[in-house]
Amino acid sequence: MHQYLPRGEVSSQVSSWNPSSGSSTPTPNTHFILPYGLQLQQTKNAGDTSVTIPAGINFVYAIAVGAGGGGTAAANGSSGCAGQISWGWTFASSSCVVGAGVTGGVGGYTRYGNIIAVGGQPSSAGGATSYGGYLSNITCNYWGVPNGIGGTATSFNGGVGANGGYGYGTYGSTGTSTAGNGGNGISGGGGGTAGISGVSTASTGGNGGSGFAGGGGGHAGTTTGSRTGGNGGTGILILNPSTTYTGGNGSTGTGTAGAGGGGAGVAGNGTAASGNAGGAGGLGGGGGGAAPTGGTASIGGAGILYLFY
């Protein structure tokens, strides 16, 4: 069966990826992004493993969201990118996996039938963060849409793509005063890390990219001057895109603080950073914010699974 956008699904959301900014019960709403003529029947959260499908239902339409990556705490602390989002038809199944958020690590994956969404992961050293919803063997989503290009030493901001590219930045004696933002996407990329050690130059972490789920903000560290952490990226209520969720703000201090805020998920806001602690990702794949040396790592937003029939 071909994986294409069924009638009633909004293809413009897949082509623009630039938004303006727990569990549920069956609902009669057949919103325009949902498969035409179907209703949301079940919502599964992290820890759920069983599904009961009525007799006679052989195919189910699923929207799967992997958990967001958790932000790490270090001089090169890494922001978490948003979890991948996948959707489509699959054979009805009696089991599922819904990814759990992880502190300072790769978020858990979500699966129902043949619909799989990998978890977001934290960035690599130097503040260069991984793609939203990216693992080393995933270079595009299953519609064939490529990921955004990551930031570079000459162009810090991550590019737009199915999974937003990472924001770039470096720390240390020749570090970056203002890091790049994560790219927008279906899943937003994480913001980069900034900081110049041994001087009072102000530093600002990169903001997380926005999408259906947003990436975590990068941290600002090592400098003895003003530190401002990046904000988490915004998200969209995937069941009703007229509703948006906000990412958490980064923290600010002089010679301290500068942690990144958590990115919003498809079902909840990200939380703000507090002092040296990164903000948590929102429910439904939001990435956690990065934290500086001596700070507290953050947890990525848990995954979620929606089933329609």
Protein backbone atom coordinates (compact mmCIF):
# COMPACT_ATOMS: atom_id res chain seq x y z
CA MET A 1 0.00 0.00 0.00
CA HIS A 2 1.41 3.40 -0.98
CA GLN A 3 2.28 5.83 1.82
CA TYR A 4 0.75 9.07 0.62
CA LEU A 5 -1.20 11.88 2.17
CA PRO A 6 -4.84 10.78 2.18
CA ARG A 7 -7.65 13.14 1.36
CA GLY A 8 -8.24 15.52 4.21
CA GLU A 9 -4.58 15.67 5.33
CA VAL A 10 -2.82 18.99 5.05
CA SER A 11 0.14 18.75 2.70
CA SER A 12 1.02 22.41 3.32
CA GLN A 13 2.18 21.50 6.82
CA VAL A 14 4.70 19.14 5.25
CA SER A 15 6.01 21.72 2.79
CA SER A 16 6.34 24.77 5.06
CA TRP A 17 7.30 23.54 8.55
CA ASN A 18 7.28 27.04 9.95
CA PRO A 19 4.70 27.36 12.72
CA SER A 20 3.57 30.76 14.00
CA SER A 21 4.70 30.23 17.17
CA GLY A 22 -1.91 13.46 28.14
CA SER A 23 -4.10 11.07 27.08
CA SER A 24 -7.42 11.68 25.41
CA THR A 25 -10.69 9.88 24.78
CA PRO A 26 -12.41 9.18 21.46
CA THR A 27 -13.60 12.36 19.82
CA PRO A 28 -16.05 13.07 16.99
CA ASN A 29 -13.67 15.68 15.59
CA THR A 30 -12.40 14.79 12.10
CA HIS A 31 -9.96 17.67 11.75
CA PHE A 32 -8.45 18.43 8.38
CA ILE A 33 -5.06 16.90 9.17
CA LEU A 34 -6.66 13.62 10.18
CA PRO A 35 -7.52 10.82 7.75
CA TYR A 36 -10.82 11.62 6.09
CA GLY A 37 -13.84 9.97 7.69
CA LEU A 38 -11.95 8.47 10.64
CA GLN A 39 -12.08 9.33 14.31
CA LEU A 40 -9.45 9.30 17.02
CA GLN A 41 -10.25 6.16 19.00
CA GLN A 42 -7.24 5.57 21.24
CA THR A 43 -4.30 7.53 22.65
CA LYS A 44 -1.36 5.59 24.03
CA ASN A 45 1.30 7.02 26.34
CA ALA A 46 4.74 5.87 27.46
CA GLY A 47 4.43 2.54 29.24
CA ASP A 48 1.41 1.36 27.28
CA THR A 49 2.07 -1.92 25.48
CA SER A 50 -1.34 -3.39 24.63
CA VAL A 51 -4.04 -2.33 22.19
CA THR A 52 -7.57 -3.71 21.86
CA ILE A 53 -9.06 -3.25 18.39
CA PRO A 54 -12.74 -4.12 17.73
CA ALA A 55 -13.52 -7.16 15.59
CA GLY A 56 -13.76 -6.37 11.90
CA ILE A 57 -11.14 -3.56 12.00
CA ASN A 58 -8.24 -4.83 9.91
CA PHE A 59 -6.42 -1.56 9.16
CA VAL A 60 -5.63 1.30 11.53
CA TYR A 61 -4.29 4.77 10.78
CA ALA A 62 -1.56 5.69 13.26
CA ILE A 63 0.33 8.86 14.15
CA ALA A 64 3.46 7.90 16.09
CA VAL A 65 5.73 10.37 17.89
CA GLY A 66 9.07 9.31 19.33
CA ALA A 67 10.30 10.74 22.62
CA GLY A 68 12.46 13.85 22.49
CA GLY A 69 16.17 13.71 23.22
CA GLY A 70 17.30 14.73 26.70
CA GLY A 71 19.78 17.59 27.08
CA THR A 72 23.17 16.94 28.68
CA ALA A 73 25.15 19.01 31.18
CA ALA A 74 28.79 19.83 30.36
CA ALA A 75 31.01 22.59 28.96
CA ASN A 76 29.85 21.30 25.59
CA GLY A 77 26.42 20.37 26.95
CA SER A 78 24.09 19.15 24.23
CA SER A 79 20.51 20.19 23.58
CA GLY A 80 18.01 17.47 22.76
CA CYS A 81 16.32 17.38 19.38
CA ALA A 82 12.65 16.59 18.89
CA GLY A 83 11.44 13.05 18.38
CA GLN A 84 10.56 11.87 14.88
CA ILE A 85 6.92 11.89 13.78
CA SER A 86 5.56 9.22 11.41
CA TRP A 87 2.04 8.46 10.22
CA GLY A 88 0.19 6.14 7.88
CA TRP A 89 -1.90 2.98 7.50
CA THR A 90 -0.90 -0.32 9.07
CA PHE A 91 -2.43 -3.71 9.86
CA ALA A 92 -4.30 -3.72 13.16
CA SER A 93 -2.10 -4.99 15.98
CA SER A 94 -2.68 -5.91 19.62
CA SER A 95 0.61 -4.40 20.83
CA CYS A 96 2.48 -1.11 20.69
CA VAL A 97 5.59 0.61 21.99
CA VAL A 98 5.50 4.26 23.12
CA GLY A 99 8.86 5.91 23.77
CA ALA A 100 9.78 7.18 27.21
CA GLY A 101 11.71 10.37 27.77
CA VAL A 102 15.33 9.96 28.87
CA THR A 103 17.51 12.35 30.86
CA GLY A 104 20.56 13.38 28.88
CA GLY A 105 20.20 10.71 26.21
CA VAL A 106 18.36 9.34 23.18
CA GLY A 107 14.58 9.26 23.56
CA GLY A 108 12.68 6.02 23.19
CA TYR A 109 11.08 5.04 19.90
CA THR A 110 7.32 4.65 19.27
CA ARG A 111 5.89 1.87 17.09
CA TYR A 112 2.53 0.54 16.02
CA GLY A 113 2.54 -2.10 13.30
CA ASN A 114 4.87 -0.88 10.56
CA ILE A 115 4.66 2.79 11.64
CA ILE A 116 7.83 3.62 13.57
CA ALA A 117 9.09 6.95 14.92
CA VAL A 118 12.61 7.05 16.37
CA GLY A 119 13.49 9.13 19.41
CA GLY A 120 15.42 12.38 19.26
CA GLN A 121 19.01 12.40 20.43
CA PRO A 122 21.29 14.89 22.14
CA SER A 123 23.88 16.80 20.18
CA SER A 124 27.55 16.10 19.65
CA ALA A 125 30.46 18.00 21.20
CA GLY A 126 30.99 21.68 20.51
CA GLY A 127 27.31 22.50 20.54
CA ALA A 128 26.61 21.04 17.08
CA THR A 129 23.33 19.25 17.64
CA SER A 130 21.87 16.30 15.83
CA TYR A 131 18.86 16.40 13.56
CA GLY A 132 15.42 16.38 15.08
CA GLY A 133 14.21 12.78 15.12
CA TYR A 134 17.54 11.63 13.71
CA LEU A 135 19.65 8.54 14.25
CA SER A 136 22.73 7.69 12.21
CA ASN A 137 20.81 5.43 9.83
CA ILE A 138 17.87 7.84 9.28
CA THR A 139 18.62 10.57 6.74
CA CYS A 140 15.09 11.45 5.65
CA ASN A 141 11.53 10.65 6.56
CA TYR A 142 9.62 7.92 4.78
CA TRP A 143 8.01 10.39 2.39
CA GLY A 144 11.50 10.83 0.96
CA VAL A 145 11.82 14.40 2.27
CA PRO A 146 15.45 15.09 3.28
CA ASN A 147 16.63 16.45 6.59
CA GLY A 148 17.74 20.04 6.99
CA ILE A 149 21.44 20.77 6.66
CA GLY A 150 23.28 21.30 9.94
CA GLY A 151 24.89 24.59 10.86
CA THR A 152 28.55 25.18 10.05
CA ALA A 153 31.36 27.44 11.22
CA THR A 154 30.38 29.92 8.50
CA SER A 155 26.58 29.52 8.66
CA PHE A 156 25.49 28.76 12.21
CA ASN A 157 21.74 28.18 11.83
CA GLY A 158 20.38 24.74 11.00
CA GLY A 159 18.45 24.28 7.75
CA VAL A 160 14.77 23.47 7.24
CA GLY A 161 13.88 19.86 6.40
CA ALA A 162 11.79 16.89 7.43
CA ASN A 163 13.93 16.91 10.56
CA GLY A 164 15.48 20.31 11.26
CA GLY A 165 19.24 20.68 11.01
CA TYR A 166 21.33 21.37 14.09
CA GLY A 167 22.40 24.79 15.28
CA TYR A 168 26.17 25.23 15.40
CA GLY A 169 28.37 26.80 18.05
CA THR A 170 31.62 26.20 19.94
CA TYR A 171 32.95 26.81 23.42
CA GLY A 172 36.42 27.40 24.84
CA SER A 173 39.09 30.07 24.42
CA THR A 174 38.11 30.62 20.78
CA GLY A 175 34.43 29.86 21.27
CA THR A 176 31.24 31.38 19.93
CA SER A 177 29.48 34.32 21.57
CA THR A 178 26.10 33.60 19.90
CA ALA A 179 25.30 30.06 18.72
CA GLY A 180 23.10 29.05 15.81
CA ASN A 181 19.45 28.12 16.09
CA GLY A 182 18.14 24.66 15.30
CA GLY A 183 16.33 24.32 11.98
CA ASN A 184 12.56 24.06 11.68
CA GLY A 185 11.02 20.80 10.48
CA ILE A 186 8.35 18.25 11.16
CA SER A 187 10.69 17.70 14.12
CA GLY A 188 12.82 20.68 15.17
CA GLY A 189 16.60 20.51 15.58
CA GLY A 190 18.35 21.51 18.80
CA GLY A 191 20.11 24.82 19.36
CA GLY A 192 23.88 25.18 19.52
CA THR A 193 26.11 25.86 22.53
CA ALA A 194 28.02 29.13 23.01
CA GLY A 195 30.76 30.36 25.32
CA ILE A 196 34.20 31.96 25.32
CA SER A 197 36.23 30.95 28.36
CA GLY A 198 38.32 33.31 30.45
CA VAL A 199 36.65 36.52 29.29
CA SER A 200 33.54 38.52 30.18
CA THR A 201 32.08 38.45 26.67
CA ALA A 202 28.32 37.87 26.80
CA SER A 203 27.22 34.56 25.32
CA THR A 204 23.85 33.36 24.03
CA GLY A 205 22.81 29.77 23.27
CA GLY A 206 20.90 28.91 20.11
CA ASN A 207 17.11 28.48 20.13
CA GLY A 208 15.59 25.12 19.33
CA GLY A 209 13.94 24.64 15.95
CA SER A 210 10.14 24.61 15.69
CA GLY A 211 7.74 22.16 14.06
CA PHE A 212 5.04 19.75 15.18
CA ALA A 213 7.58 19.15 17.99
CA GLY A 214 10.36 21.57 18.93
CA GLY A 215 14.03 21.09 19.73
CA GLY A 216 15.65 22.09 23.01
CA GLY A 217 17.59 25.31 23.48
CA GLY A 218 21.38 25.32 23.62
CA HIS A 219 23.23 26.58 26.68
CA ALA A 220 25.60 29.49 27.17
CA GLY A 221 28.58 28.63 29.34
CA THR A 222 32.28 29.06 30.23
CA THR A 223 32.23 32.87 29.93
CA THR A 224 32.50 34.97 33.10
CA GLY A 225 30.09 37.50 31.64
CA SER A 226 26.37 37.40 30.90
CA ARG A 227 24.98 34.01 29.89
CA THR A 228 21.62 33.55 28.18
CA GLY A 229 20.36 30.10 27.35
CA GLY A 230 18.42 29.43 24.15
CA ASN A 231 14.65 29.02 24.15
CA GLY A 232 12.99 25.75 23.26
CA GLY A 233 11.24 25.52 19.88
CA THR A 234 7.46 25.72 19.55
CA GLY A 235 5.15 22.81 18.74
CA ILE A 236 1.70 22.21 17.28
CA LEU A 237 -1.21 20.20 18.65
CA ILE A 238 -1.16 17.63 15.90
CA LEU A 239 -4.87 16.86 16.39
CA ASN A 240 -5.78 20.53 15.83
CA PRO A 241 -3.01 22.70 14.31
CA SER A 242 -4.79 25.93 15.24
CA THR A 243 -3.45 25.26 18.75
CA THR A 244 0.26 25.77 19.35
CA TYR A 245 2.51 24.96 22.28
CA THR A 246 5.40 27.07 23.50
CA GLY A 247 8.97 26.13 24.27
CA GLY A 248 10.46 27.03 27.63
CA ASN A 249 12.71 30.06 28.03
CA GLY A 250 16.42 29.74 28.71
CA SER A 251 17.86 31.03 31.98
CA THR A 252 20.07 34.11 32.35
CA GLY A 253 22.87 35.00 34.77
CA THR A 254 26.35 36.51 35.05
CA GLY A 255 29.00 33.82 35.21
CA THR A 256 26.27 31.30 35.97
CA ALA A 257 22.96 29.94 34.64
CA GLY A 258 22.59 30.08 30.83
CA ALA A 259 20.77 26.73 30.51
CA GLY A 260 18.47 26.05 27.55
CA GLY A 261 14.69 25.76 27.70
CA GLY A 262 12.80 22.63 26.71
CA GLY A 263 11.12 22.32 23.31
CA ALA A 264 7.35 21.93 23.02
CA GLY A 265 5.83 18.63 21.95
CA VAL A 266 2.73 17.80 19.92
CA ALA A 267 0.70 17.64 23.15
CA GLY A 268 2.35 19.96 25.69
CA ASN A 269 4.56 22.97 26.41
CA GLY A 270 8.27 22.73 27.12
CA THR A 271 9.42 23.92 30.53
CA ALA A 272 11.73 26.83 31.25
CA ALA A 273 15.32 26.37 32.35
CA SER A 274 16.07 27.16 35.98
CA GLY A 275 19.53 28.38 36.89
CA ASN A 276 21.96 25.73 35.63
CA ALA A 277 19.23 23.16 34.96
CA GLY A 278 17.96 22.59 31.43
CA GLY A 279 14.22 22.71 30.78
CA ALA A 280 12.27 19.51 30.06
CA GLY A 281 10.77 18.73 26.67
CA GLY A 282 6.98 18.87 26.28
CA LEU A 283 4.74 15.80 25.97
CA GLY A 284 4.87 14.34 22.51
CA GLY A 285 8.52 14.54 21.48
CA GLY A 286 9.85 17.89 22.74
CA GLY A 287 13.65 18.07 23.11
CA GLY A 288 15.26 18.90 26.45
CA GLY A 289 17.44 21.96 26.96
CA ALA A 290 21.22 21.84 27.39
CA ALA A 291 22.96 22.73 30.65
CA PRO A 292 26.48 24.09 31.39
CA THR A 293 29.20 22.45 33.50
CA GLY A 294 27.93 21.60 36.97
CA GLY A 295 24.32 21.93 35.85
CA THR A 296 21.48 19.44 35.66
CA ALA A 297 20.71 17.43 32.55
CA SER A 298 17.15 17.56 31.22
CA ILE A 299 14.61 14.96 30.18
CA GLY A 300 13.05 14.80 26.73
CA GLY A 301 9.29 14.80 26.30
CA ALA A 302 7.71 11.33 26.23
CA GLY A 303 6.39 9.95 22.96
CA ILE A 304 2.73 9.49 22.13
CA LEU A 305 0.63 7.34 19.80
CA TYR A 306 -2.74 8.18 18.22
CA LEU A 307 -4.89 5.49 16.60
CA PHE A 308 -7.77 6.15 14.19
CA TYR A 309 -10.32 3.79 12.66
